[in-house]
Amino acid sequence: MFPTAVAGDAVVGTVFVTNSGGQPVTWVVVDREGDHRIRYARVATGRDAGTVDVRLSPAGSHTGVTVTYELSALTPEGSEWLRRFAADYPSMMQSWESAIAKSLAAIRRPAPGR
């Protein structure tokens, strides 16, 4: 959700809010390098805060993606959440890869009747 109208969702300074297990998380685009890198600050009030760095790189006929989270717990509950997050990270990245591939396939699929 974007609390205010935005010129683009990857413009430095853009703010948006997501939901993580019932916890609102505020994100801010803090810097960007063209179409190959974007870094976000994120805060889940009372739980954790930090940055997320997303880098794209050529990988043959595909694109490689490296996502780096640097998060700190803000509470004991946040420490437990971070422990679970780290344990589930590989499966989360796999689900993202599948969702992105499905979305891209839908975009590339010609519309019926064309």
PDB file of N, CA and C in Angstrom:
ATOM      1  N   MET A   1       0.844  -1.164   0.000  1.00  0.00           N
ATOM      2  CA  MET A   1       0.000   0.000   0.000  1.00  0.00           C
ATOM      3  C   MET A   1       0.898   1.240   0.000  1.00  0.00           C
ATOM      4  N   PHE A   2       0.570   2.172  -0.855  1.00  0.00           N
ATOM      5  CA  PHE A   2       1.280   3.444  -0.888  1.00  0.00           C
ATOM      6  C   PHE A   2       0.421   4.476  -0.164  1.00  0.00           C
ATOM      7  N   PRO A   3       0.929   5.044   0.951  1.00  0.00           N
ATOM      8  CA  PRO A   3       0.118   5.998   1.715  1.00  0.00           C
ATOM      9  C   PRO A   3      -0.205   7.271   0.937  1.00  0.00           C
ATOM     10  N   THR A   4       0.624   7.626  -0.034  1.00  0.00           N
ATOM     11  CA  THR A   4       0.362   8.782  -0.885  1.00  0.00           C
ATOM     12  C   THR A   4       0.651   8.386  -2.322  1.00  0.00           C
ATOM     13  N   ALA A   5       0.159   9.163  -3.259  1.00  0.00           N
ATOM     14  CA  ALA A   5       0.422   8.895  -4.670  1.00  0.00           C
ATOM     15  C   ALA A   5       1.928   8.962  -4.926  1.00  0.00           C
ATOM     16  N   VAL A   6       2.419   8.069  -5.789  1.00  0.00           N
ATOM     17  CA  VAL A   6       3.851   8.036  -6.088  1.00  0.00           C
ATOM     18  C   VAL A   6       4.072   8.137  -7.585  1.00  0.00           C
ATOM     19  N   ALA A   7       5.215   8.730  -7.958  1.00  0.00           N
ATOM     20  CA  ALA A   7       5.580   8.841  -9.369  1.00  0.00           C
ATOM     21  C   ALA A   7       6.028   7.489  -9.902  1.00  0.00           C
ATOM     22  N   GLY A   8       6.607   6.676  -9.048  1.00  0.00           N
ATOM     23  CA  GLY A   8       7.075   5.342  -9.417  1.00  0.00           C
ATOM     24  C   GLY A   8       7.438   4.596  -8.153  1.00  0.00           C
ATOM     25  N   ASP A   9       7.242   3.290  -8.167  1.00  0.00           N
ATOM     26  CA  ASP A   9       7.467   2.537  -6.935  1.00  0.00           C
ATOM     27  C   ASP A   9       8.934   2.284  -6.614  1.00  0.00           C
ATOM     28  N   ALA A  10       9.850   2.731  -7.480  1.00  0.00           N
ATOM     29  CA  ALA A  10      11.276   2.528  -7.228  1.00  0.00           C
ATOM     30  C   ALA A  10      12.049   3.851  -7.168  1.00  0.00           C
ATOM     31  N   VAL A  11      11.338   4.939  -6.988  1.00  0.00           N
ATOM     32  CA  VAL A  11      11.966   6.258  -6.901  1.00  0.00           C
ATOM     33  C   VAL A  11      12.482   6.461  -5.475  1.00  0.00           C
ATOM     34  N   VAL A  12      13.728   6.942  -5.359  1.00  0.00           N
ATOM     35  CA  VAL A  12      14.297   7.198  -4.037  1.00  0.00           C
ATOM     36  C   VAL A  12      13.359   8.104  -3.247  1.00  0.00           C
ATOM     37  N   GLY A  13      13.090   7.710  -2.005  1.00  0.00           N
ATOM     38  CA  GLY A  13      12.181   8.455  -1.141  1.00  0.00           C
ATOM     39  C   GLY A  13      10.774   7.893  -1.102  1.00  0.00           C
ATOM     40  N   THR A  14      10.448   6.981  -2.028  1.00  0.00           N
ATOM     41  CA  THR A  14       9.121   6.373  -2.031  1.00  0.00           C
ATOM     42  C   THR A  14       8.911   5.568  -0.759  1.00  0.00           C
ATOM     43  N   VAL A  15       7.731   5.714  -0.159  1.00  0.00           N
ATOM     44  CA  VAL A  15       7.371   4.998   1.061  1.00  0.00           C
ATOM     45  C   VAL A  15       6.173   4.118   0.758  1.00  0.00           C
ATOM     46  N   PHE A  16       6.222   2.874   1.259  1.00  0.00           N
ATOM     47  CA  PHE A  16       5.071   1.991   1.145  1.00  0.00           C
ATOM     48  C   PHE A  16       5.013   1.081   2.362  1.00  0.00           C
ATOM     49  N   VAL A  17       3.851   0.458   2.553  1.00  0.00           N
ATOM     50  CA  VAL A  17       3.621  -0.389   3.725  1.00  0.00           C
ATOM     51  C   VAL A  17       3.165  -1.762   3.244  1.00  0.00           C
ATOM     52  N   THR A  18       3.761  -2.810   3.833  1.00  0.00           N
ATOM     53  CA  THR A  18       3.337  -4.174   3.562  1.00  0.00           C
ATOM     54  C   THR A  18       2.907  -4.819   4.877  1.00  0.00           C
ATOM     55  N   ASN A  19       2.472  -6.063   4.782  1.00  0.00           N
ATOM     56  CA  ASN A  19       2.062  -6.807   5.961  1.00  0.00           C
ATOM     57  C   ASN A  19       2.927  -8.052   6.057  1.00  0.00           C
ATOM     58  N   SER A  20       3.509  -8.293   7.200  1.00  0.00           N
ATOM     59  CA  SER A  20       4.349  -9.470   7.421  1.00  0.00           C
ATOM     60  C   SER A  20       3.808 -10.229   8.625  1.00  0.00           C
ATOM     61  N   GLY A  21       2.992 -11.232   8.359  1.00  0.00           N
ATOM     62  CA  GLY A  21       2.425 -12.016   9.450  1.00  0.00           C
ATOM     63  C   GLY A  21       1.567 -11.209  10.399  1.00  0.00           C
ATOM     64  N   GLY A  22       0.796 -10.269   9.860  1.00  0.00           N
ATOM     65  CA  GLY A  22      -0.047  -9.428  10.688  1.00  0.00           C
ATOM     66  C   GLY A  22       0.640  -8.185  11.218  1.00  0.00           C
ATOM     67  N   GLN A  23       1.918  -8.034  10.922  1.00  0.00           N
ATOM     68  CA  GLN A  23       2.716  -6.888  11.384  1.00  0.00           C
ATOM     69  C   GLN A  23       2.903  -5.910  10.229  1.00  0.00           C
ATOM     70  N   PRO A  24       2.438  -4.655  10.352  1.00  0.00           N
ATOM     71  CA  PRO A  24       2.720  -3.674   9.305  1.00  0.00           C
ATOM     72  C   PRO A  24       4.225  -3.394   9.233  1.00  0.00           C
ATOM     73  N   VAL A  25       4.733  -3.328   8.015  1.00  0.00           N
ATOM     74  CA  VAL A  25       6.151  -3.039   7.792  1.00  0.00           C
ATOM     75  C   VAL A  25       6.235  -1.838   6.862  1.00  0.00           C
ATOM     76  N   THR A  26       6.927  -0.793   7.307  1.00  0.00           N
ATOM     77  CA  THR A  26       7.111   0.416   6.503  1.00  0.00           C
ATOM     78  C   THR A  26       8.440   0.311   5.763  1.00  0.00           C
ATOM     79  N   TRP A  27       8.394   0.558   4.466  1.00  0.00           N
ATOM     80  CA  TRP A  27       9.565   0.488   3.590  1.00  0.00           C
ATOM     81  C   TRP A  27       9.824   1.865   2.996  1.00  0.00           C
ATOM     82  N   VAL A  28      11.104   2.203   2.812  1.00  0.00           N
ATOM     83  CA  VAL A  28      11.509   3.445   2.151  1.00  0.00           C
ATOM     84  C   VAL A  28      12.605   3.100   1.153  1.00  0.00           C
ATOM     85  N   VAL A  29      12.447   3.542  -0.096  1.00  0.00           N
ATOM     86  CA  VAL A  29      13.514   3.365  -1.083  1.00  0.00           C
ATOM     87  C   VAL A  29      14.609   4.362  -0.725  1.00  0.00           C
ATOM     88  N   VAL A  30      15.799   3.852  -0.348  1.00  0.00           N
ATOM     89  CA  VAL A  30      16.870   4.759   0.096  1.00  0.00           C
ATOM     90  C   VAL A  30      17.907   5.033  -0.980  1.00  0.00           C
ATOM     91  N   ASP A  31      18.130   4.099  -1.889  1.00  0.00           N
ATOM     92  CA  ASP A  31      18.954   4.408  -3.054  1.00  0.00           C
ATOM     93  C   ASP A  31      18.728   3.382  -4.144  1.00  0.00           C
ATOM     94  N   ARG A  32      19.188   3.762  -5.329  1.00  0.00           N
ATOM     95  CA  ARG A  32      18.954   2.940  -6.516  1.00  0.00           C
ATOM     96  C   ARG A  32      20.058   3.215  -7.515  1.00  0.00           C
ATOM     97  N   GLU A  33      20.500   2.159  -8.187  1.00  0.00           N
ATOM     98  CA  GLU A  33      21.477   2.282  -9.271  1.00  0.00           C
ATOM     99  C   GLU A  33      20.831   1.724 -10.534  1.00  0.00           C
ATOM    100  N   GLY A  34      20.278   2.638 -11.330  1.00  0.00           N
ATOM    101  CA  GLY A  34      19.620   2.231 -12.571  1.00  0.00           C
ATOM    102  C   GLY A  34      18.604   1.135 -12.340  1.00  0.00           C
ATOM    103  N   ASP A  35      18.633   0.139 -13.220  1.00  0.00           N
ATOM    104  CA  ASP A  35      17.712  -0.985 -13.099  1.00  0.00           C
ATOM    105  C   ASP A  35      18.398  -2.228 -12.543  1.00  0.00           C
ATOM    106  N   HIS A  36      19.581  -2.066 -11.939  1.00  0.00           N
ATOM    107  CA  HIS A  36      20.281  -3.251 -11.460  1.00  0.00           C
ATOM    108  C   HIS A  36      20.474  -3.316  -9.944  1.00  0.00           C
ATOM    109  N   ARG A  37      20.090  -2.283  -9.219  1.00  0.00           N
ATOM    110  CA  ARG A  37      20.218  -2.333  -7.756  1.00  0.00           C
ATOM    111  C   ARG A  37      19.236  -1.360  -7.120  1.00  0.00           C
ATOM    112  N   ILE A  38      18.625  -1.820  -6.025  1.00  0.00           N
ATOM    113  CA  ILE A  38      17.763  -0.959  -5.223  1.00  0.00           C
ATOM    114  C   ILE A  38      17.942  -1.365  -3.764  1.00  0.00           C
ATOM    115  N   ARG A  39      17.929  -0.379  -2.891  1.00  0.00           N
ATOM    116  CA  ARG A  39      18.076  -0.660  -1.457  1.00  0.00           C
ATOM    117  C   ARG A  39      16.947   0.022  -0.710  1.00  0.00           C
ATOM    118  N   TYR A  40      16.383  -0.722   0.218  1.00  0.00           N
ATOM    119  CA  TYR A  40      15.267  -0.255   1.026  1.00  0.00           C
ATOM    120  C   TYR A  40      15.662  -0.221   2.500  1.00  0.00           C
ATOM    121  N   ALA A  41      15.119   0.731   3.230  1.00  0.00           N
ATOM    122  CA  ALA A  41      15.092   0.668   4.694  1.00  0.00           C
ATOM    123  C   ALA A  41      13.716   0.126   5.036  1.00  0.00           C
ATOM    124  N   ARG A  42      13.648  -0.719   6.066  1.00  0.00           N
ATOM    125  CA  ARG A  42      12.353  -1.271   6.462  1.00  0.00           C
ATOM    126  C   ARG A  42      12.272  -1.310   7.976  1.00  0.00           C
ATOM    127  N   VAL A  43      11.080  -1.008   8.494  1.00  0.00           N
ATOM    128  CA  VAL A  43      10.861  -1.013   9.941  1.00  0.00           C
ATOM    129  C   VAL A  43       9.531  -1.695  10.233  1.00  0.00           C
ATOM    130  N   ALA A  44       9.600  -2.728  11.061  1.00  0.00           N
ATOM    131  CA  ALA A  44       8.414  -3.359  11.618  1.00  0.00           C
ATOM    132  C   ALA A  44       8.391  -2.890  13.072  1.00  0.00           C
ATOM    133  N   THR A  45       7.635  -1.850  13.345  1.00  0.00           N
ATOM    134  CA  THR A  45       7.642  -1.194  14.651  1.00  0.00           C
ATOM    135  C   THR A  45       7.486  -2.212  15.774  1.00  0.00           C
ATOM    136  N   GLY A  46       8.396  -2.112  16.736  1.00  0.00           N
ATOM    137  CA  GLY A  46       8.358  -3.004  17.880  1.00  0.00           C
ATOM    138  C   GLY A  46       8.877  -4.401  17.617  1.00  0.00           C
ATOM    139  N   ARG A  47       9.402  -4.661  16.396  1.00  0.00           N
ATOM    140  CA  ARG A  47       9.893  -6.001  16.087  1.00  0.00           C
ATOM    141  C   ARG A  47      11.311  -5.980  15.535  1.00  0.00           C
ATOM    142  N   ASP A  48      11.509  -5.334  14.361  1.00  0.00           N
ATOM    143  CA  ASP A  48      12.824  -5.324  13.734  1.00  0.00           C
ATOM    144  C   ASP A  48      12.953  -4.130  12.797  1.00  0.00           C
ATOM    145  N   ALA A  49      14.188  -3.829  12.432  1.00  0.00           N
ATOM    146  CA  ALA A  49      14.461  -2.750  11.481  1.00  0.00           C
ATOM    147  C   ALA A  49      15.757  -3.064  10.766  1.00  0.00           C
ATOM    148  N   GLY A  50      15.920  -2.506   9.567  1.00  0.00           N
ATOM    149  CA  GLY A  50      17.165  -2.709   8.835  1.00  0.00           C
ATOM    150  C   GLY A  50      17.024  -2.340   7.382  1.00  0.00           C
ATOM    151  N   THR A  51      17.873  -2.950   6.567  1.00  0.00           N
ATOM    152  CA  THR A  51      17.878  -2.661   5.132  1.00  0.00           C
ATOM    153  C   THR A  51      17.744  -3.952   4.337  1.00  0.00           C
ATOM    154  N   VAL A  52      17.273  -3.788   3.099  1.00  0.00           N
ATOM    155  CA  VAL A  52      17.180  -4.884   2.148  1.00  0.00           C
ATOM    156  C   VAL A  52      17.794  -4.376   0.851  1.00  0.00           C
ATOM    157  N   ASP A  53      18.798  -5.097   0.370  1.00  0.00           N
ATOM    158  CA  ASP A  53      19.505  -4.730  -0.855  1.00  0.00           C
ATOM    159  C   ASP A  53      19.173  -5.768  -1.921  1.00  0.00           C
ATOM    160  N   VAL A  54      18.687  -5.311  -3.089  1.00  0.00           N
ATOM    161  CA  VAL A  54      18.325  -6.204  -4.187  1.00  0.00           C
ATOM    162  C   VAL A  54      19.192  -5.846  -5.383  1.00  0.00           C
ATOM    163  N   ARG A  55      19.966  -6.849  -5.863  1.00  0.00           N
ATOM    164  CA  ARG A  55      20.862  -6.637  -7.011  1.00  0.00           C
ATOM    165  C   ARG A  55      20.524  -7.622  -8.115  1.00  0.00           C
ATOM    166  N   LEU A  56      20.474  -7.114  -9.337  1.00  0.00           N
ATOM    167  CA  LEU A  56      20.235  -7.930 -10.517  1.00  0.00           C
ATOM    168  C   LEU A  56      21.523  -8.011 -11.333  1.00  0.00           C
ATOM    169  N   SER A  57      21.794  -9.181 -11.908  1.00  0.00           N
ATOM    170  CA  SER A  57      22.990  -9.341 -12.737  1.00  0.00           C
ATOM    171  C   SER A  57      22.684 -10.313 -13.871  1.00  0.00           C
ATOM    172  N   PRO A  58      23.342 -10.099 -15.028  1.00  0.00           N
ATOM    173  CA  PRO A  58      23.136 -11.030 -16.145  1.00  0.00           C
ATOM    174  C   PRO A  58      23.587 -12.435 -15.750  1.00  0.00           C
ATOM    175  N   ALA A  59      22.796 -13.425 -16.150  1.00  0.00           N
ATOM    176  CA  ALA A  59      23.133 -14.831 -15.883  1.00  0.00           C
ATOM    177  C   ALA A  59      22.735 -15.636 -17.116  1.00  0.00           C
ATOM    178  N   GLY A  60      23.550 -15.530 -18.155  1.00  0.00           N
ATOM    179  CA  GLY A  60      23.206 -16.189 -19.414  1.00  0.00           C
ATOM    180  C   GLY A  60      21.989 -15.528 -20.025  1.00  0.00           C
ATOM    181  N   SER A  61      20.976 -16.332 -20.319  1.00  0.00           N
ATOM    182  CA  SER A  61      19.748 -15.776 -20.906  1.00  0.00           C
ATOM    183  C   SER A  61      18.746 -15.382 -19.822  1.00  0.00           C
ATOM    184  N   HIS A  62      19.181 -15.430 -18.570  1.00  0.00           N
ATOM    185  CA  HIS A  62      18.314 -15.101 -17.444  1.00  0.00           C
ATOM    186  C   HIS A  62      18.905 -13.928 -16.666  1.00  0.00           C
ATOM    187  N   THR A  63      18.275 -13.610 -15.572  1.00  0.00           N
ATOM    188  CA  THR A  63      18.774 -12.574 -14.664  1.00  0.00           C
ATOM    189  C   THR A  63      18.980 -13.185 -13.298  1.00  0.00           C
ATOM    190  N   GLY A  64      20.180 -12.979 -12.736  1.00  0.00           N
ATOM    191  CA  GLY A  64      20.455 -13.420 -11.379  1.00  0.00           C
ATOM    192  C   GLY A  64      20.010 -12.349 -10.399  1.00  0.00           C
ATOM    193  N   VAL A  65      19.552 -12.773  -9.252  1.00  0.00           N
ATOM    194  CA  VAL A  65      19.087 -11.843  -8.224  1.00  0.00           C
ATOM    195  C   VAL A  65      19.759 -12.191  -6.907  1.00  0.00           C
ATOM    196  N   THR A  66      20.317 -11.172  -6.263  1.00  0.00           N
ATOM    197  CA  THR A  66      20.878 -11.342  -4.926  1.00  0.00           C
ATOM    198  C   THR A  66      20.117 -10.410  -3.996  1.00  0.00           C
ATOM    199  N   VAL A  67      19.533 -10.981  -2.946  1.00  0.00           N
ATOM    200  CA  VAL A  67      18.772 -10.205  -1.970  1.00  0.00           C
ATOM    201  C   VAL A  67      19.473 -10.345  -0.627  1.00  0.00           C
ATOM    202  N   THR A  68      19.866  -9.209  -0.046  1.00  0.00           N
ATOM    203  CA  THR A  68      20.576  -9.223   1.225  1.00  0.00           C
ATOM    204  C   THR A  68      19.787  -8.431   2.256  1.00  0.00           C
ATOM    205  N   TYR A  69      19.397  -9.110   3.320  1.00  0.00           N
ATOM    206  CA  TYR A  69      18.723  -8.476   4.439  1.00  0.00           C
ATOM    207  C   TYR A  69      19.749  -8.223   5.536  1.00  0.00           C
ATOM    208  N   GLU A  70      19.754  -7.033   6.096  1.00  0.00           N
ATOM    209  CA  GLU A  70      20.539  -6.711   7.284  1.00  0.00           C
ATOM    210  C   GLU A  70      19.554  -6.155   8.306  1.00  0.00           C
ATOM    211  N   LEU A  71      19.093  -7.032   9.191  1.00  0.00           N
ATOM    212  CA  LEU A  71      18.035  -6.675  10.120  1.00  0.00           C
ATOM    213  C   LEU A  71      18.512  -6.798  11.554  1.00  0.00           C
ATOM    214  N   SER A  72      17.961  -5.956  12.415  1.00  0.00           N
ATOM    215  CA  SER A  72      18.236  -6.007  13.850  1.00  0.00           C
ATOM    216  C   SER A  72      16.910  -6.111  14.591  1.00  0.00           C
ATOM    217  N   ALA A  73      16.907  -6.952  15.619  1.00  0.00           N
ATOM    218  CA  ALA A  73      15.720  -7.078  16.459  1.00  0.00           C
ATOM    219  C   ALA A  73      15.582  -5.839  17.331  1.00  0.00           C
ATOM    220  N   LEU A  74      14.341  -5.429  17.556  1.00  0.00           N
ATOM    221  CA  LEU A  74      14.058  -4.290  18.428  1.00  0.00           C
ATOM    222  C   LEU A  74      13.524  -4.729  19.789  1.00  0.00           C
ATOM    223  N   THR A  75      13.136  -5.999  19.877  1.00  0.00           N
ATOM    224  CA  THR A  75      12.561  -6.544  21.108  1.00  0.00           C
ATOM    225  C   THR A  75      12.949  -8.021  21.201  1.00  0.00           C
ATOM    226  N   PRO A  76      12.734  -8.645  22.360  1.00  0.00           N
ATOM    227  CA  PRO A  76      12.949 -10.096  22.444  1.00  0.00           C
ATOM    228  C   PRO A  76      12.076 -10.862  21.441  1.00  0.00           C
ATOM    229  N   GLU A  77      10.845 -10.409  21.252  1.00  0.00           N
ATOM    230  CA  GLU A  77       9.976 -11.037  20.254  1.00  0.00           C
ATOM    231  C   GLU A  77      10.559 -10.884  18.856  1.00  0.00           C
ATOM    232  N   GLY A  78      11.187  -9.731  18.614  1.00  0.00           N
ATOM    233  CA  GLY A  78      11.847  -9.504  17.335  1.00  0.00           C
ATOM    234  C   GLY A  78      13.005 -10.468  17.125  1.00  0.00           C
ATOM    235  N   SER A  79      13.731 -10.785  18.187  1.00  0.00           N
ATOM    236  CA  SER A  79      14.825 -11.758  18.090  1.00  0.00           C
ATOM    237  C   SER A  79      14.299 -13.121  17.664  1.00  0.00           C
ATOM    238  N   GLU A  80      13.186 -13.527  18.233  1.00  0.00           N
ATOM    239  CA  GLU A  80      12.589 -14.817  17.857  1.00  0.00           C
ATOM    240  C   GLU A  80      12.088 -14.777  16.425  1.00  0.00           C
ATOM    241  N   TRP A  81      11.476 -13.667  16.028  1.00  0.00           N
ATOM    242  CA  TRP A  81      10.999 -13.528  14.653  1.00  0.00           C
ATOM    243  C   TRP A  81      12.174 -13.613  13.677  1.00  0.00           C
ATOM    244  N   LEU A  82      13.289 -12.941  13.991  1.00  0.00           N
ATOM    245  CA  LEU A  82      14.463 -12.994  13.116  1.00  0.00           C
ATOM    246  C   LEU A  82      15.030 -14.406  13.021  1.00  0.00           C
ATOM    247  N   ARG A  83      15.013 -15.144  14.098  1.00  0.00           N
ATOM    248  CA  ARG A  83      15.484 -16.530  14.069  1.00  0.00           C
ATOM    249  C   ARG A  83      14.643 -17.350  13.088  1.00  0.00           C
ATOM    250  N   ARG A  84      13.315 -17.218  13.185  1.00  0.00           N
ATOM    251  CA  ARG A  84      12.430 -17.946  12.271  1.00  0.00           C
ATOM    252  C   ARG A  84      12.601 -17.460  10.837  1.00  0.00           C
ATOM    253  N   PHE A  85      12.750 -16.139  10.657  1.00  0.00           N
ATOM    254  CA  PHE A  85      12.942 -15.567   9.326  1.00  0.00           C
ATOM    255  C   PHE A  85      14.184 -16.170   8.670  1.00  0.00           C
ATOM    256  N   ALA A  86      15.287 -16.225   9.404  1.00  0.00           N
ATOM    257  CA  ALA A  86      16.533 -16.783   8.864  1.00  0.00           C
ATOM    258  C   ALA A  86      16.351 -18.255   8.509  1.00  0.00           C
ATOM    259  N   ALA A  87      15.665 -19.002   9.355  1.00  0.00           N
ATOM    260  CA  ALA A  87      15.451 -20.425   9.091  1.00  0.00           C
ATOM    261  C   ALA A  87      14.585 -20.641   7.850  1.00  0.00           C
ATOM    262  N   ASP A  88      13.610 -19.767   7.623  1.00  0.00           N
ATOM    263  CA  ASP A  88      12.687 -19.897   6.493  1.00  0.00           C
ATOM    264  C   ASP A  88      13.160 -19.185   5.230  1.00  0.00           C
ATOM    265  N   TYR A  89      14.283 -18.468   5.309  1.00  0.00           N
ATOM    266  CA  TYR A  89      14.739 -17.641   4.191  1.00  0.00           C
ATOM    267  C   TYR A  89      14.878 -18.420   2.874  1.00  0.00           C
ATOM    268  N   PRO A  90      15.530 -19.588   2.854  1.00  0.00           N
ATOM    269  CA  PRO A  90      15.651 -20.306   1.576  1.00  0.00           C
ATOM    270  C   PRO A  90      14.301 -20.631   0.940  1.00  0.00           C
ATOM    271  N   SER A  91      13.329 -21.063   1.732  1.00  0.00           N
ATOM    272  CA  SER A  91      12.021 -21.385   1.154  1.00  0.00           C
ATOM    273  C   SER A  91      11.294 -20.121   0.703  1.00  0.00           C
ATOM    274  N   MET A  92      11.493 -18.999   1.414  1.00  0.00           N
ATOM    275  CA  MET A  92      10.884 -17.744   1.001  1.00  0.00           C
ATOM    276  C   MET A  92      11.439 -17.316  -0.355  1.00  0.00           C
ATOM    277  N   MET A  93      12.756 -17.403  -0.529  1.00  0.00           N
ATOM    278  CA  MET A  93      13.362 -17.022  -1.805  1.00  0.00           C
ATOM    279  C   MET A  93      12.878 -17.932  -2.929  1.00  0.00           C
ATOM    280  N   GLN A  94      12.710 -19.224  -2.656  1.00  0.00           N
ATOM    281  CA  GLN A  94      12.200 -20.163  -3.662  1.00  0.00           C
ATOM    282  C   GLN A  94      10.769 -19.806  -4.051  1.00  0.00           C
ATOM    283  N   SER A  95       9.948 -19.425  -3.075  1.00  0.00           N
ATOM    284  CA  SER A  95       8.564 -19.055  -3.398  1.00  0.00           C
ATOM    285  C   SER A  95       8.533 -17.765  -4.212  1.00  0.00           C
ATOM    286  N   TRP A  96       9.442 -16.825  -3.899  1.00  0.00           N
ATOM    287  CA  TRP A  96       9.525 -15.605  -4.707  1.00  0.00           C
ATOM    288  C   TRP A  96       9.929 -15.941  -6.135  1.00  0.00           C
ATOM    289  N   GLU A  97      10.928 -16.811  -6.290  1.00  0.00           N
ATOM    290  CA  GLU A  97      11.381 -17.192  -7.632  1.00  0.00           C
ATOM    291  C   GLU A  97      10.226 -17.795  -8.428  1.00  0.00           C
ATOM    292  N   SER A  98       9.466 -18.673  -7.814  1.00  0.00           N
ATOM    293  CA  SER A  98       8.321 -19.292  -8.495  1.00  0.00           C
ATOM    294  C   SER A  98       7.260 -18.261  -8.855  1.00  0.00           C
ATOM    295  N   ALA A  99       6.957 -17.361  -7.933  1.00  0.00           N
ATOM    296  CA  ALA A  99       5.934 -16.338  -8.193  1.00  0.00           C
ATOM    297  C   ALA A  99       6.367 -15.395  -9.307  1.00  0.00           C
ATOM    298  N   ILE A 100       7.637 -15.011  -9.308  1.00  0.00           N
ATOM    299  CA  ILE A 100       8.146 -14.109 -10.355  1.00  0.00           C
ATOM    300  C   ILE A 100       8.114 -14.818 -11.705  1.00  0.00           C
ATOM    301  N   ALA A 101       8.543 -16.072 -11.750  1.00  0.00           N
ATOM    302  CA  ALA A 101       8.528 -16.820 -13.014  1.00  0.00           C
ATOM    303  C   ALA A 101       7.106 -16.956 -13.546  1.00  0.00           C
ATOM    304  N   LYS A 102       6.158 -17.231 -12.661  1.00  0.00           N
ATOM    305  CA  LYS A 102       4.757 -17.348 -13.072  1.00  0.00           C
ATOM    306  C   LYS A 102       4.241 -16.020 -13.621  1.00  0.00           C
ATOM    307  N   SER A 103       4.574 -14.928 -12.953  1.00  0.00           N
ATOM    308  CA  SER A 103       4.147 -13.603 -13.403  1.00  0.00           C
ATOM    309  C   SER A 103       4.738 -13.262 -14.763  1.00  0.00           C
ATOM    310  N   LEU A 104       6.034 -13.541 -14.935  1.00  0.00           N
ATOM    311  CA  LEU A 104       6.686 -13.266 -16.218  1.00  0.00           C
ATOM    312  C   LEU A 104       6.101 -14.117 -17.334  1.00  0.00           C
ATOM    313  N   ALA A 105       5.792 -15.373 -17.040  1.00  0.00           N
ATOM    314  CA  ALA A 105       5.187 -16.242 -18.046  1.00  0.00           C
ATOM    315  C   ALA A 105       3.831 -15.694 -18.482  1.00  0.00           C
ATOM    316  N   ALA A 106       3.066 -15.172 -17.537  1.00  0.00           N
ATOM    317  CA  ALA A 106       1.751 -14.606 -17.866  1.00  0.00           C
ATOM    318  C   ALA A 106       1.893 -13.365 -18.739  1.00  0.00           C
ATOM    319  N   ILE A 107       2.917 -12.564 -18.475  1.00  0.00           N
ATOM    320  CA  ILE A 107       3.147 -11.356 -19.274  1.00  0.00           C
ATOM    321  C   ILE A 107       3.536 -11.726 -20.699  1.00  0.00           C
ATOM    322  N   ARG A 108       4.339 -12.763 -20.841  1.00  0.00           N
ATOM    323  CA  ARG A 108       4.834 -13.170 -22.166  1.00  0.00           C
ATOM    324  C   ARG A 108       3.810 -13.953 -22.963  1.00  0.00           C
ATOM    325  N   ARG A 109       2.812 -14.510 -22.297  1.00  0.00           N
ATOM    326  CA  ARG A 109       1.806 -15.316 -22.978  1.00  0.00           C
ATOM    327  C   ARG A 109       0.928 -14.402 -23.825  1.00  0.00           C
ATOM    328  N   PRO A 110       0.743 -14.719 -25.103  1.00  0.00           N
ATOM    329  CA  PRO A 110      -0.121 -13.858 -25.926  1.00  0.00           C
ATOM    330  C   PRO A 110      -1.565 -13.911 -25.426  1.00  0.00           C
ATOM    331  N   ALA A 111      -2.229 -12.794 -25.570  1.00  0.00           N
ATOM    332  CA  ALA A 111      -3.641 -12.708 -25.172  1.00  0.00           C
ATOM    333  C   ALA A 111      -4.462 -13.623 -26.080  1.00  0.00           C
ATOM    334  N   PRO A 112      -5.529 -14.217 -25.562  1.00  0.00           N
ATOM    335  CA  PRO A 112      -6.390 -15.076 -26.390  1.00  0.00           C
ATOM    336  C   PRO A 112      -6.885 -14.304 -27.611  1.00  0.00           C
ATOM    337  N   GLY A 113      -6.905 -14.983 -28.752  1.00  0.00           N
ATOM    338  CA  GLY A 113      -7.387 -14.371 -29.983  1.00  0.00           C
ATOM    339  C   GLY A 113      -6.352 -13.566 -30.719  1.00  0.00           C
ATOM    340  N   ARG A 114      -5.099 -13.580 -30.272  1.00  0.00           N
ATOM    341  CA  ARG A 114      -4.052 -12.809 -30.963  1.00  0.00           C
ATOM    342  C   ARG A 114      -3.096 -13.723 -31.662  1.00  0.00           C
TER     343      ARG A 114
END
